[in-house]
Amino acid sequence: VQVSVNDLIMLIAFVPLVTFLVTGTSGLSVPFAVLLWSVLIFVVIPLAAGTLSRVVLIRLKGIEWFEKR
């Protein structure tokens, strides 16, 4: 649960936080698209893969097997 909550916070807060920190402290400009792609690659794809694998394993093996492993 903690990892899921952390991922959801990252989805919402990462882009504005990085934009604020990088622009405010160093004056560098990070393109918004780069930040969105980084969130997609490092947060959304692993979260979706984990959710999909959980659903598939529960359907194949059952909830008891999944929770005991």
Protein backbone atom coordinates (compact mmCIF):
# COMPACT_ATOMS: atom_id res chain seq x y z
CA VAL A 1 0.00 0.00 0.00
CA GLN A 2 2.81 2.41 0.87
CA VAL A 3 4.44 1.95 -2.53
CA SER A 4 1.15 2.60 -4.31
CA VAL A 5 0.53 5.77 -2.31
CA ASN A 6 4.08 6.91 -3.02
CA ASP A 7 3.55 6.30 -6.75
CA LEU A 8 0.32 8.27 -6.74
CA ILE A 9 2.03 11.18 -5.01
CA MET A 10 4.83 11.01 -7.57
CA LEU A 11 2.28 11.15 -10.39
CA ILE A 12 0.77 14.32 -8.98
CA ALA A 13 3.71 16.13 -7.39
CA PHE A 14 6.84 15.19 -9.35
CA VAL A 15 6.53 17.52 -12.33
CA PRO A 16 5.65 20.68 -10.36
CA LEU A 17 8.22 19.91 -7.66
CA VAL A 18 11.10 19.34 -10.07
CA THR A 19 10.11 22.38 -12.11
CA PHE A 20 10.13 24.52 -8.96
CA LEU A 21 13.41 23.14 -7.60
CA VAL A 22 15.39 23.21 -10.84
CA THR A 23 14.10 26.56 -12.07
CA GLY A 24 14.25 28.20 -8.66
CA THR A 25 17.69 27.04 -7.56
CA SER A 26 19.74 26.91 -10.73
CA GLY A 27 17.81 28.86 -13.31
CA LEU A 28 17.88 25.91 -15.71
CA SER A 29 14.93 25.21 -17.92
CA VAL A 30 13.66 21.64 -18.07
CA PRO A 31 11.14 21.00 -20.84
CA PHE A 32 7.75 19.94 -19.52
CA ALA A 33 7.66 17.01 -21.97
CA VAL A 34 10.89 15.60 -20.51
CA LEU A 35 9.38 15.61 -17.04
CA LEU A 36 6.19 13.96 -18.24
CA TRP A 37 8.15 11.27 -20.09
CA SER A 38 10.22 10.57 -16.99
CA VAL A 39 7.06 10.12 -14.91
CA LEU A 40 5.61 7.83 -17.57
CA ILE A 41 8.74 5.69 -17.82
CA PHE A 42 9.71 5.48 -14.15
CA VAL A 43 6.31 5.56 -12.40
CA VAL A 44 3.36 4.77 -14.70
CA ILE A 45 4.84 1.81 -16.60
CA PRO A 46 6.10 -0.07 -13.48
CA LEU A 47 2.84 0.65 -11.63
CA ALA A 48 0.78 -0.65 -14.55
CA ALA A 49 3.02 -3.71 -14.94
CA GLY A 50 2.70 -4.53 -11.24
CA THR A 51 -1.07 -4.15 -11.30
CA LEU A 52 -1.40 -6.26 -14.44
CA SER A 53 0.84 -9.02 -13.10
CA ARG A 54 -1.12 -9.07 -9.83
CA VAL A 55 -4.44 -9.42 -11.65
CA VAL A 56 -3.11 -12.15 -13.95
CA LEU A 57 -1.52 -14.15 -11.13
CA ILE A 58 -4.67 -13.96 -8.99
CA ARG A 59 -6.77 -15.18 -11.92
CA LEU A 60 -4.35 -18.02 -12.71
CA LYS A 61 -3.36 -19.19 -9.23
CA GLY A 62 -6.03 -17.80 -6.91
CA ILE A 63 -5.98 -15.24 -4.13
CA GLU A 64 -4.79 -17.71 -1.47
CA TRP A 65 -1.71 -18.61 -3.51
CA PHE A 66 -0.98 -14.97 -4.24
CA GLU A 67 -1.20 -13.82 -0.63
CA LYS A 68 0.86 -16.73 0.74
CA ARG A 69 3.77 -16.25 -1.69
